[in-house]
PDB file of N, CA and C in Angstrom:
ATOM      1  N   TYR A   1      -0.204   9.951   2.236  1.00  0.00           N
ATOM      2  CA  TYR A   1      -0.813   9.398   3.430  1.00  0.00           C
ATOM      3  C   TYR A   1      -1.568   8.112   3.107  1.00  0.00           C
ATOM      4  N   ASP A   2      -2.386   8.141   2.064  1.00  0.00           N
ATOM      5  CA  ASP A   2      -3.196   6.974   1.716  1.00  0.00           C
ATOM      6  C   ASP A   2      -2.330   5.770   1.379  1.00  0.00           C
ATOM      7  N   ALA A   3      -1.286   5.988   0.585  1.00  0.00           N
ATOM      8  CA  ALA A   3      -0.454   4.871   0.143  1.00  0.00           C
ATOM      9  C   ALA A   3       0.222   4.180   1.313  1.00  0.00           C
ATOM     10  N   MET A   4       0.416   4.904   2.388  1.00  0.00           N
ATOM     11  CA  MET A   4       1.151   4.340   3.503  1.00  0.00           C
ATOM     12  C   MET A   4       0.232   3.925   4.652  1.00  0.00           C
ATOM     13  N   MET A   5      -0.536   4.847   5.180  1.00  0.00           N
ATOM     14  CA  MET A   5      -1.268   4.588   6.418  1.00  0.00           C
ATOM     15  C   MET A   5      -2.583   3.829   6.232  1.00  0.00           C
ATOM     16  N   VAL A   6      -3.403   4.251   5.298  1.00  0.00           N
ATOM     17  CA  VAL A   6      -4.705   3.607   5.123  1.00  0.00           C
ATOM     18  C   VAL A   6      -4.521   2.165   4.671  1.00  0.00           C
ATOM     19  N   ARG A   7      -3.664   1.960   3.694  1.00  0.00           N
ATOM     20  CA  ARG A   7      -3.433   0.602   3.200  1.00  0.00           C
ATOM     21  C   ARG A   7      -2.738  -0.262   4.250  1.00  0.00           C
ATOM     22  N   TYR A   8      -1.853   0.338   5.033  1.00  0.00           N
ATOM     23  CA  TYR A   8      -1.198  -0.409   6.101  1.00  0.00           C
ATOM     24  C   TYR A   8      -2.228  -0.874   7.127  1.00  0.00           C
ATOM     25  N   SER A   9      -3.132   0.028   7.489  1.00  0.00           N
ATOM     26  CA  SER A   9      -4.171  -0.312   8.464  1.00  0.00           C
ATOM     27  C   SER A   9      -5.069  -1.432   7.958  1.00  0.00           C
ATOM     28  N   SER A  10      -5.456  -1.364   6.692  1.00  0.00           N
ATOM     29  CA  SER A  10      -6.309  -2.426   6.151  1.00  0.00           C
ATOM     30  C   SER A  10      -5.539  -3.742   6.070  1.00  0.00           C
ATOM     31  N   GLY A  11      -4.243  -3.677   5.835  1.00  0.00           N
ATOM     32  CA  GLY A  11      -3.430  -4.892   5.827  1.00  0.00           C
ATOM     33  C   GLY A  11      -3.363  -5.535   7.202  1.00  0.00           C
ATOM     34  N   MET A  12      -3.236  -4.709   8.232  1.00  0.00           N
ATOM     35  CA  MET A  12      -3.209  -5.230   9.595  1.00  0.00           C
ATOM     36  C   MET A  12      -4.555  -5.861   9.956  1.00  0.00           C
ATOM     37  N   GLN A  13      -5.647  -5.247   9.515  1.00  0.00           N
ATOM     38  CA  GLN A  13      -6.968  -5.822   9.759  1.00  0.00           C
ATOM     39  C   GLN A  13      -7.095  -7.165   9.051  1.00  0.00           C
ATOM     40  N   GLY A  14      -6.567  -7.249   7.834  1.00  0.00           N
ATOM     41  CA  GLY A  14      -6.599  -8.507   7.092  1.00  0.00           C
ATOM     42  C   GLY A  14      -5.837  -9.606   7.806  1.00  0.00           C
ATOM     43  N   GLU A  15      -4.672  -9.263   8.346  1.00  0.00           N
ATOM     44  CA  GLU A  15      -3.896 -10.255   9.098  1.00  0.00           C
ATOM     45  C   GLU A  15      -4.661 -10.734  10.321  1.00  0.00           C
ATOM     46  N   THR A  16      -5.307  -9.813  11.012  1.00  0.00           N
ATOM     47  CA  THR A  16      -6.084 -10.177  12.195  1.00  0.00           C
ATOM     48  C   THR A  16      -7.254 -11.083  11.820  1.00  0.00           C
ATOM     49  N   LEU A  17      -7.936 -10.754  10.735  1.00  0.00           N
ATOM     50  CA  LEU A  17      -9.043 -11.605  10.282  1.00  0.00           C
ATOM     51  C   LEU A  17      -8.542 -12.990   9.879  1.00  0.00           C
ATOM     52  N   ASN A  18      -7.400 -13.058   9.193  1.00  0.00           N
ATOM     53  CA  ASN A  18      -6.840 -14.357   8.817  1.00  0.00           C
ATOM     54  C   ASN A  18      -6.481 -15.177  10.048  1.00  0.00           C
ATOM     55  N   LYS A  19      -5.959 -14.513  11.077  1.00  0.00           N
ATOM     56  CA  LYS A  19      -5.626 -15.210  12.317  1.00  0.00           C
ATOM     57  C   LYS A  19      -6.894 -15.777  12.956  1.00  0.00           C
ATOM     58  N   LEU A  20      -7.960 -14.978  12.978  1.00  0.00           N
ATOM     59  CA  LEU A  20      -9.231 -15.455  13.535  1.00  0.00           C
ATOM     60  C   LEU A  20      -9.787 -16.629  12.734  1.00  0.00           C
ATOM     61  N   ILE A  21      -9.678 -16.548  11.414  1.00  0.00           N
ATOM     62  CA  ILE A  21     -10.156 -17.638  10.558  1.00  0.00           C
ATOM     63  C   ILE A  21      -9.415 -18.925  10.890  1.00  0.00           C
ATOM     64  N   SER A  22      -8.093 -18.824  11.059  1.00  0.00           N
ATOM     65  CA  SER A  22      -7.286 -20.008  11.380  1.00  0.00           C
ATOM     66  C   SER A  22      -7.625 -20.554  12.761  1.00  0.00           C
ATOM     67  N   GLU A  23      -7.716 -19.674  13.743  1.00  0.00           N
ATOM     68  CA  GLU A  23      -7.972 -20.109  15.114  1.00  0.00           C
ATOM     69  C   GLU A  23      -9.344 -20.746  15.279  1.00  0.00           C
ATOM     70  N   GLN A  24     -10.327 -20.271  14.541  1.00  0.00           N
ATOM     71  CA  GLN A  24     -11.686 -20.784  14.674  1.00  0.00           C
ATOM     72  C   GLN A  24     -11.930 -22.024  13.817  1.00  0.00           C
ATOM     73  N   GLY A  25     -10.961 -22.372  12.979  1.00  0.00           N
ATOM     74  CA  GLY A  25     -11.135 -23.532  12.114  1.00  0.00           C
ATOM     75  C   GLY A  25     -12.203 -23.315  11.058  1.00  0.00           C
ATOM     76  N   SER A  26     -12.392 -22.094  10.666  1.00  0.00           N
ATOM     77  CA  SER A  26     -13.420 -21.750   9.689  1.00  0.00           C
ATOM     78  C   SER A  26     -13.043 -22.249   8.301  1.00  0.00           C
ATOM     79  N   LYS A  27     -14.060 -22.498   7.486  1.00  0.00           N
ATOM     80  CA  LYS A  27     -13.830 -22.930   6.109  1.00  0.00           C
ATOM     81  C   LYS A  27     -13.721 -21.743   5.155  1.00  0.00           C
ATOM     82  N   LEU A  28     -13.765 -20.538   5.698  1.00  0.00           N
ATOM     83  CA  LEU A  28     -13.620 -19.342   4.869  1.00  0.00           C
ATOM     84  C   LEU A  28     -12.214 -19.274   4.283  1.00  0.00           C
ATOM     85  N   LYS A  29     -12.132 -18.718   3.080  1.00  0.00           N
ATOM     86  CA  LYS A  29     -10.822 -18.515   2.471  1.00  0.00           C
ATOM     87  C   LYS A  29     -10.117 -17.371   3.175  1.00  0.00           C
ATOM     88  N   LYS A  30      -8.803 -17.519   3.317  1.00  0.00           N
ATOM     89  CA  LYS A  30      -8.033 -16.429   3.907  1.00  0.00           C
ATOM     90  C   LYS A  30      -7.976 -15.259   2.937  1.00  0.00           C
ATOM     91  N   LEU A  31      -7.875 -14.075   3.485  1.00  0.00           N
ATOM     92  CA  LEU A  31      -7.820 -12.853   2.694  1.00  0.00           C
ATOM     93  C   LEU A  31      -6.405 -12.607   2.172  1.00  0.00           C
ATOM     94  N   ARG A  32      -6.333 -11.983   0.991  1.00  0.00           N
ATOM     95  CA  ARG A  32      -5.030 -11.513   0.520  1.00  0.00           C
ATOM     96  C   ARG A  32      -4.710 -10.257   1.316  1.00  0.00           C
ATOM     97  N   VAL A  33      -3.486 -10.160   1.791  1.00  0.00           N
ATOM     98  CA  VAL A  33      -3.112  -9.036   2.638  1.00  0.00           C
ATOM     99  C   VAL A  33      -2.033  -8.213   1.948  1.00  0.00           C
ATOM    100  N   ALA A  34      -2.271  -6.908   1.842  1.00  0.00           N
ATOM    101  CA  ALA A  34      -1.276  -5.976   1.309  1.00  0.00           C
ATOM    102  C   ALA A  34      -1.028  -4.914   2.372  1.00  0.00           C
ATOM    103  N   HIS A  35       0.222  -4.575   2.585  1.00  0.00           N
ATOM    104  CA  HIS A  35       0.562  -3.645   3.662  1.00  0.00           C
ATOM    105  C   HIS A  35       0.841  -2.228   3.202  1.00  0.00           C
ATOM    106  N   GLY A  36       0.563  -1.910   1.956  1.00  0.00           N
ATOM    107  CA  GLY A  36       0.831  -0.548   1.504  1.00  0.00           C
ATOM    108  C   GLY A  36       2.307  -0.334   1.252  1.00  0.00           C
ATOM    109  N   HIS A  37       2.733   0.905   1.271  1.00  0.00           N
ATOM    110  CA  HIS A  37       4.108   1.247   0.947  1.00  0.00           C
ATOM    111  C   HIS A  37       4.857   1.711   2.186  1.00  0.00           C
ATOM    112  N   THR A  38       6.180   1.515   2.151  1.00  0.00           N
ATOM    113  CA  THR A  38       7.035   2.025   3.211  1.00  0.00           C
ATOM    114  C   THR A  38       7.264   3.515   2.975  1.00  0.00           C
ATOM    115  N   PRO A  39       7.721   4.235   3.986  1.00  0.00           N
ATOM    116  CA  PRO A  39       8.011   5.660   3.790  1.00  0.00           C
ATOM    117  C   PRO A  39       9.022   5.920   2.669  1.00  0.00           C
ATOM    118  N   VAL A  40      10.000   5.053   2.524  1.00  0.00           N
ATOM    119  CA  VAL A  40      10.997   5.218   1.461  1.00  0.00           C
ATOM    120  C   VAL A  40      10.339   5.074   0.092  1.00  0.00           C
ATOM    121  N   GLU A  41       9.436   4.106  -0.057  1.00  0.00           N
ATOM    122  CA  GLU A  41       8.736   3.926  -1.333  1.00  0.00           C
ATOM    123  C   GLU A  41       7.846   5.123  -1.653  1.00  0.00           C
ATOM    124  N   VAL A  42       7.196   5.680  -0.651  1.00  0.00           N
ATOM    125  CA  VAL A  42       6.351   6.857  -0.864  1.00  0.00           C
ATOM    126  C   VAL A  42       7.208   8.045  -1.293  1.00  0.00           C
ATOM    127  N   ALA A  43       8.340   8.248  -0.624  1.00  0.00           N
ATOM    128  CA  ALA A  43       9.233   9.357  -0.972  1.00  0.00           C
ATOM    129  C   ALA A  43       9.796   9.184  -2.382  1.00  0.00           C
ATOM    130  N   ALA A  44      10.187   7.954  -2.727  1.00  0.00           N
ATOM    131  CA  ALA A  44      10.718   7.695  -4.071  1.00  0.00           C
ATOM    132  C   ALA A  44       9.649   7.948  -5.129  1.00  0.00           C
ATOM    133  N   GLY A  45       8.438   7.519  -4.885  1.00  0.00           N
ATOM    134  CA  GLY A  45       7.348   7.755  -5.832  1.00  0.00           C
ATOM    135  C   GLY A  45       7.066   9.231  -6.021  1.00  0.00           C
ATOM    136  N   ALA A  46       7.100   9.981  -4.930  1.00  0.00           N
ATOM    137  CA  ALA A  46       6.881  11.429  -5.023  1.00  0.00           C
ATOM    138  C   ALA A  46       8.005  12.091  -5.813  1.00  0.00           C
ATOM    139  N   ALA A  47       9.243  11.680  -5.549  1.00  0.00           N
ATOM    140  CA  ALA A  47      10.390  12.258  -6.260  1.00  0.00           C
ATOM    141  C   ALA A  47      10.317  11.953  -7.751  1.00  0.00           C
ATOM    142  N   ILE A  48       9.981  10.720  -8.090  1.00  0.00           N
ATOM    143  CA  ILE A  48       9.857  10.342  -9.506  1.00  0.00           C
ATOM    144  C   ILE A  48       8.744  11.153 -10.165  1.00  0.00           C
ATOM    145  N   GLY A  49       7.640  11.341  -9.475  1.00  0.00           N
ATOM    146  CA  GLY A  49       6.536  12.133 -10.012  1.00  0.00           C
ATOM    147  C   GLY A  49       6.941  13.567 -10.297  1.00  0.00           C
ATOM    148  N   VAL A  50       7.697  14.164  -9.396  1.00  0.00           N
ATOM    149  CA  VAL A  50       8.157  15.542  -9.591  1.00  0.00           C
ATOM    150  C   VAL A  50       9.109  15.624 -10.779  1.00  0.00           C
ATOM    151  N   VAL A  51      10.041  14.673 -10.870  1.00  0.00           N
ATOM    152  CA  VAL A  51      11.010  14.677 -11.976  1.00  0.00           C
ATOM    153  C   VAL A  51      10.300  14.492 -13.314  1.00  0.00           C
ATOM    154  N   VAL A  52       9.393  13.538 -13.402  1.00  0.00           N
ATOM    155  CA  VAL A  52       8.674  13.294 -14.658  1.00  0.00           C
ATOM    156  C   VAL A  52       7.847  14.520 -15.042  1.00  0.00           C
ATOM    157  N   ALA A  53       7.174  15.122 -14.077  1.00  0.00           N
ATOM    158  CA  ALA A  53       6.381  16.321 -14.364  1.00  0.00           C
ATOM    159  C   ALA A  53       7.269  17.457 -14.873  1.00  0.00           C
ATOM    160  N   ALA A  54       8.437  17.636 -14.268  1.00  0.00           N
ATOM    161  CA  ALA A  54       9.356  18.694 -14.700  1.00  0.00           C
ATOM    162  C   ALA A  54       9.871  18.428 -16.107  1.00  0.00           C
ATOM    163  N   VAL A  55      10.225  17.180 -16.402  1.00  0.00           N
ATOM    164  CA  VAL A  55      10.716  16.828 -17.738  1.00  0.00           C
ATOM    165  C   VAL A  55       9.639  17.097 -18.781  1.00  0.00           C
ATOM    166  N   VAL A  56       8.426  16.664 -18.523  1.00  0.00           N
ATOM    167  CA  VAL A  56       7.332  16.883 -19.473  1.00  0.00           C
ATOM    168  C   VAL A  56       7.056  18.378 -19.629  1.00  0.00           C
ATOM    169  N   PHE A  57       7.056  19.103 -18.532  1.00  0.00           N
ATOM    170  CA  PHE A  57       6.795  20.541 -18.584  1.00  0.00           C
ATOM    171  C   PHE A  57       7.832  21.255 -19.453  1.00  0.00           C
ATOM    172  N   PHE A  58       9.106  20.974 -19.201  1.00  0.00           N
ATOM    173  CA  PHE A  58      10.151  21.672 -19.946  1.00  0.00           C
ATOM    174  C   PHE A  58      10.303  21.144 -21.371  1.00  0.00           C
ATOM    175  N   ALA A  59       9.952  19.895 -21.610  1.00  0.00           N
ATOM    176  CA  ALA A  59      10.047  19.335 -22.965  1.00  0.00           C
ATOM    177  C   ALA A  59       8.961  19.894 -23.878  1.00  0.00           C
ATOM    178  N   THR A  60       7.835  20.277 -23.316  1.00  0.00           N
ATOM    179  CA  THR A  60       6.732  20.791 -24.138  1.00  0.00           C
ATOM    180  C   THR A  60       6.663  22.314 -24.140  1.00  0.00           C
ATOM    181  N   LYS A  61       7.580  22.948 -23.483  1.00  0.00           N
ATOM    182  CA  LYS A  61       7.571  24.410 -23.383  1.00  0.00           C
ATOM    183  C   LYS A  61       8.151  25.039 -24.625  1.00  0.00           C
TER     184      LYS A  61
END
């Protein structure tokens, strides 16, 4: 959940703040924006984690 939704939300807030900075002509530096992971990336990361854990478990058994 965190990798996808929380980071996505903060990325959207960053984009909105950057838009406001541009529109207002502010001298503030624009924020770096990261949008988190897509559902496919989250699923792939979970699958890799399960596989690595299983390999380590059975290799040390």
